[in-house]
Amino acid sequence: MAAAISRLDRALSQVEARIDRLKTAARESGDSDADRARLAEELDKARASEAAMAEAAEDASRALGEAIEELRAAAKAAETAGDDDDG
């Protein structure tokens, strides 16, 4: 009877150890899920930021192009006015 109780005690210890390992693995898996969710959220924010930056760059490029055209027109007008004064 003592031998059976000893074997049962060892088996229960092994089961408890296995349960502890499974609990640890489940907790770590939950942590990984939380990390994945956090990273996905950060990626979404980064993509939104990238889109906003791209839009701002387009606006800046358009404004720069308009400024260049205005400067060209002003330079051409000044050149024409100078030619009229010389002629």
N, C-alpha and C. Protein backbone atom coordinates (compact mmCIF):
# COMPACT_ATOMS: atom_id res chain seq x y z
N MET A 1 0.82 -1.19 0.00
CA MET A 1 0.00 0.00 0.00
C MET A 1 0.87 1.26 0.00
N ALA A 2 1.95 1.26 0.77
CA ALA A 2 2.85 2.41 0.85
C ALA A 2 3.49 2.66 -0.50
N ALA A 3 3.83 1.61 -1.23
CA ALA A 3 4.45 1.76 -2.54
C ALA A 3 3.46 2.39 -3.52
N ALA A 4 2.20 1.99 -3.46
CA ALA A 4 1.18 2.56 -4.35
C ALA A 4 0.98 4.04 -4.04
N ILE A 5 0.97 4.37 -2.77
CA ILE A 5 0.80 5.78 -2.37
C ILE A 5 2.00 6.59 -2.84
N SER A 6 3.18 6.01 -2.77
CA SER A 6 4.39 6.69 -3.22
C SER A 6 4.34 6.94 -4.73
N ARG A 7 3.92 5.92 -5.49
CA ARG A 7 3.80 6.08 -6.94
C ARG A 7 2.75 7.13 -7.30
N LEU A 8 1.62 7.10 -6.59
CA LEU A 8 0.56 8.06 -6.82
C LEU A 8 1.06 9.47 -6.50
N ASP A 9 1.83 9.61 -5.45
CA ASP A 9 2.38 10.91 -5.06
C ASP A 9 3.34 11.43 -6.13
N ARG A 10 4.19 10.55 -6.67
CA ARG A 10 5.10 10.95 -7.73
C ARG A 10 4.33 11.35 -8.98
N ALA A 11 3.30 10.60 -9.33
CA ALA A 11 2.49 10.90 -10.51
C ALA A 11 1.80 12.25 -10.35
N LEU A 12 1.27 12.51 -9.17
CA LEU A 12 0.62 13.79 -8.91
C LEU A 12 1.62 14.94 -9.00
N SER A 13 2.82 14.73 -8.52
CA SER A 13 3.87 15.75 -8.61
C SER A 13 4.20 16.04 -10.07
N GLN A 14 4.26 15.00 -10.87
CA GLN A 14 4.54 15.19 -12.29
C GLN A 14 3.39 15.95 -12.98
N VAL A 15 2.17 15.60 -12.63
CA VAL A 15 1.01 16.30 -13.20
C VAL A 15 1.04 17.77 -12.78
N GLU A 16 1.32 18.05 -11.52
CA GLU A 16 1.39 19.43 -11.04
C GLU A 16 2.49 20.21 -11.77
N ALA A 17 3.63 19.57 -11.97
CA ALA A 17 4.72 20.24 -12.68
C ALA A 17 4.31 20.54 -14.12
N ARG A 18 3.63 19.59 -14.74
CA ARG A 18 3.16 19.79 -16.12
C ARG A 18 2.14 20.92 -16.18
N ILE A 19 1.25 20.97 -15.22
CA ILE A 19 0.25 22.05 -15.16
C ILE A 19 0.95 23.40 -15.00
N ASP A 20 1.95 23.46 -14.14
CA ASP A 20 2.71 24.71 -13.96
C ASP A 20 3.38 25.14 -15.26
N ARG A 21 3.97 24.18 -15.98
CA ARG A 21 4.60 24.52 -17.25
C ARG A 21 3.57 25.02 -18.27
N LEU A 22 2.41 24.39 -18.30
CA LEU A 22 1.35 24.82 -19.22
C LEU A 22 0.83 26.21 -18.86
N LYS A 23 0.70 26.48 -17.57
CA LYS A 23 0.26 27.82 -17.14
C LYS A 23 1.27 28.88 -17.56
N THR A 24 2.54 28.56 -17.39
CA THR A 24 3.60 29.50 -17.79
C THR A 24 3.56 29.73 -19.29
N ALA A 25 3.41 28.67 -20.05
CA ALA A 25 3.35 28.79 -21.51
C ALA A 25 2.12 29.61 -21.93
N ALA A 26 1.00 29.40 -21.28
CA ALA A 26 -0.21 30.15 -21.61
C ALA A 26 -0.03 31.63 -21.28
N ARG A 27 0.59 31.90 -20.15
CA ARG A 27 0.84 33.30 -19.76
C ARG A 27 1.77 33.97 -20.77
N GLU A 28 2.82 33.29 -21.17
CA GLU A 28 3.75 33.84 -22.15
C GLU A 28 3.07 34.04 -23.50
N SER A 29 2.19 33.12 -23.86
CA SER A 29 1.45 33.25 -25.11
C SER A 29 0.54 34.47 -25.04
N GLY A 30 -0.09 34.67 -23.91
CA GLY A 30 -0.94 35.86 -23.72
C GLY A 30 -0.12 37.13 -23.83
N ASP A 31 1.09 37.11 -23.27
CA ASP A 31 1.98 38.26 -23.38
C ASP A 31 2.34 38.51 -24.84
N SER A 32 2.57 37.44 -25.59
CA SER A 32 2.90 37.58 -27.01
C SER A 32 1.72 38.17 -27.78
N ASP A 33 0.52 37.73 -27.43
CA ASP A 33 -0.67 38.28 -28.09
C ASP A 33 -0.79 39.76 -27.82
N ALA A 34 -0.53 40.16 -26.58
CA ALA A 34 -0.60 41.58 -26.22
C ALA A 34 0.48 42.36 -26.97
N ASP A 35 1.67 41.77 -27.09
CA ASP A 35 2.74 42.42 -27.83
C ASP A 35 2.37 42.58 -29.31
N ARG A 36 1.78 41.55 -29.89
CA ARG A 36 1.36 41.61 -31.28
C ARG A 36 0.30 42.69 -31.48
N ALA A 37 -0.64 42.77 -30.55
CA ALA A 37 -1.69 43.79 -30.65
C ALA A 37 -1.09 45.18 -30.53
N ARG A 38 -0.15 45.35 -29.61
CA ARG A 38 0.49 46.65 -29.43
C ARG A 38 1.30 47.02 -30.67
N LEU A 39 2.02 46.07 -31.23
CA LEU A 39 2.80 46.34 -32.43
C LEU A 39 1.90 46.66 -33.62
N ALA A 40 0.77 45.98 -33.73
CA ALA A 40 -0.18 46.26 -34.81
C ALA A 40 -0.73 47.67 -34.67
N GLU A 41 -1.02 48.07 -33.44
CA GLU A 41 -1.52 49.42 -33.20
C GLU A 41 -0.46 50.46 -33.56
N GLU A 42 0.77 50.21 -33.16
CA GLU A 42 1.86 51.13 -33.49
C GLU A 42 2.07 51.21 -35.00
N LEU A 43 1.94 50.08 -35.68
CA LEU A 43 2.08 50.06 -37.14
C LEU A 43 0.98 50.89 -37.80
N ASP A 44 -0.24 50.75 -37.30
CA ASP A 44 -1.34 51.55 -37.84
C ASP A 44 -1.08 53.04 -37.65
N LYS A 45 -0.58 53.41 -36.46
CA LYS A 45 -0.26 54.82 -36.20
C LYS A 45 0.85 55.30 -37.13
N ALA A 46 1.86 54.46 -37.33
CA ALA A 46 2.96 54.84 -38.20
C ALA A 46 2.49 55.02 -39.64
N ARG A 47 1.59 54.14 -40.08
CA ARG A 47 1.05 54.27 -41.44
C ARG A 47 0.24 55.55 -41.59
N ALA A 48 -0.55 55.88 -40.57
CA ALA A 48 -1.33 57.12 -40.61
C ALA A 48 -0.40 58.32 -40.63
N SER A 49 0.65 58.26 -39.85
CA SER A 49 1.63 59.35 -39.82
C SER A 49 2.33 59.47 -41.17
N GLU A 50 2.66 58.35 -41.76
CA GLU A 50 3.31 58.35 -43.07
C GLU A 50 2.39 58.99 -44.12
N ALA A 51 1.11 58.65 -44.06
CA ALA A 51 0.16 59.22 -45.01
C ALA A 51 0.04 60.73 -44.82
N ALA A 52 0.02 61.18 -43.57
CA ALA A 52 -0.06 62.62 -43.30
C ALA A 52 1.20 63.32 -43.79
N MET A 53 2.35 62.69 -43.59
CA MET A 53 3.61 63.28 -44.04
C MET A 53 3.66 63.33 -45.57
N ALA A 54 3.16 62.30 -46.23
CA ALA A 54 3.14 62.29 -47.69
C ALA A 54 2.24 63.41 -48.21
N GLU A 55 1.10 63.60 -47.56
CA GLU A 55 0.20 64.67 -47.97
C GLU A 55 0.85 66.03 -47.76
N ALA A 56 1.53 66.20 -46.63
CA ALA A 56 2.21 67.47 -46.36
C ALA A 56 3.33 67.71 -47.39
N ALA A 57 4.03 66.65 -47.76
CA ALA A 57 5.09 66.77 -48.76
C ALA A 57 4.51 67.17 -50.11
N GLU A 58 3.37 66.60 -50.46
CA GLU A 58 2.71 66.97 -51.72
C GLU A 58 2.30 68.44 -51.69
N ASP A 59 1.73 68.88 -50.57
CA ASP A 59 1.33 70.28 -50.43
C ASP A 59 2.54 71.20 -50.55
N ALA A 60 3.63 70.84 -49.89
CA ALA A 60 4.84 71.65 -49.94
C ALA A 60 5.41 71.69 -51.36
N SER A 61 5.39 70.55 -52.03
CA SER A 61 5.89 70.49 -53.40
C SER A 61 5.05 71.36 -54.33
N ARG A 62 3.74 71.30 -54.15
CA ARG A 62 2.84 72.12 -54.97
C ARG A 62 3.08 73.60 -54.70
N ALA A 63 3.22 73.98 -53.44
CA ALA A 63 3.47 75.38 -53.09
C ALA A 63 4.81 75.84 -53.65
N LEU A 64 5.82 74.98 -53.58
CA LEU A 64 7.13 75.31 -54.11
C LEU A 64 7.06 75.51 -55.63
N GLY A 65 6.33 74.63 -56.30
CA GLY A 65 6.16 74.77 -57.75
C GLY A 65 5.47 76.08 -58.11
N GLU A 66 4.44 76.44 -57.35
CA GLU A 66 3.75 77.70 -57.60
C GLU A 66 4.68 78.89 -57.36
N ALA A 67 5.49 78.82 -56.31
CA ALA A 67 6.43 79.91 -56.02
C ALA A 67 7.46 80.05 -57.14
N ILE A 68 7.94 78.93 -57.65
CA ILE A 68 8.91 78.96 -58.75
C ILE A 68 8.28 79.61 -59.97
N GLU A 69 7.04 79.25 -60.28
CA GLU A 69 6.37 79.84 -61.43
C GLU A 69 6.18 81.36 -61.24
N GLU A 70 5.84 81.76 -60.02
CA GLU A 70 5.69 83.19 -59.74
C GLU A 70 7.02 83.92 -59.91
N LEU A 71 8.10 83.31 -59.44
CA LEU A 71 9.42 83.93 -59.58
C LEU A 71 9.82 84.02 -61.06
N ARG A 72 9.54 82.97 -61.80
CA ARG A 72 9.84 83.00 -63.24
C ARG A 72 9.06 84.10 -63.94
N ALA A 73 7.77 84.19 -63.59
CA ALA A 73 6.93 85.22 -64.20
C ALA A 73 7.43 86.61 -63.82
N ALA A 74 7.83 86.79 -62.56
CA ALA A 74 8.34 88.08 -62.12
C ALA A 74 9.65 88.40 -62.83
N ALA A 75 10.53 87.41 -62.98
CA ALA A 75 11.80 87.61 -63.66
C ALA A 75 11.57 87.96 -65.13
N LYS A 76 10.63 87.27 -65.75
CA LYS A 76 10.33 87.54 -67.16
C LYS A 76 9.75 88.94 -67.31
N ALA A 77 8.86 89.33 -66.38
CA ALA A 77 8.26 90.67 -66.43
C ALA A 77 9.34 91.73 -66.24
N ALA A 78 10.27 91.48 -65.33
CA ALA A 78 11.36 92.43 -65.09
C ALA A 78 12.26 92.52 -66.32
N GLU A 79 12.50 91.39 -66.94
CA GLU A 79 13.33 91.36 -68.15
C GLU A 79 12.64 92.12 -69.29
N THR A 80 11.36 91.90 -69.45
CA THR A 80 10.60 92.58 -70.49
C THR A 80 10.57 94.10 -70.23
N ALA A 81 10.37 94.47 -68.97
CA ALA A 81 10.36 95.89 -68.62
C ALA A 81 11.73 96.51 -68.91
N GLY A 82 12.79 95.78 -68.66
CA GLY A 82 14.14 96.27 -68.94
C GLY A 82 14.36 96.42 -70.41
N ASP A 83 13.85 95.48 -71.20
CA ASP A 83 13.98 95.58 -72.66
C ASP A 83 13.21 96.80 -73.19
N ASP A 84 12.03 97.06 -72.62
CA ASP A 84 11.23 98.22 -73.03
C ASP A 84 11.94 99.52 -72.69
N ASP A 85 12.62 99.56 -71.57
CA ASP A 85 13.34 100.78 -71.18
C ASP A 85 14.55 101.01 -72.07
N ASP A 86 15.16 99.95 -72.57
CA ASP A 86 16.33 100.05 -73.44
C ASP A 86 15.94 100.44 -74.88
N GLY A 87 14.74 100.13 -75.27
CA GLY A 87 14.35 100.23 -76.65
C GLY A 87 13.78 101.50 -77.02
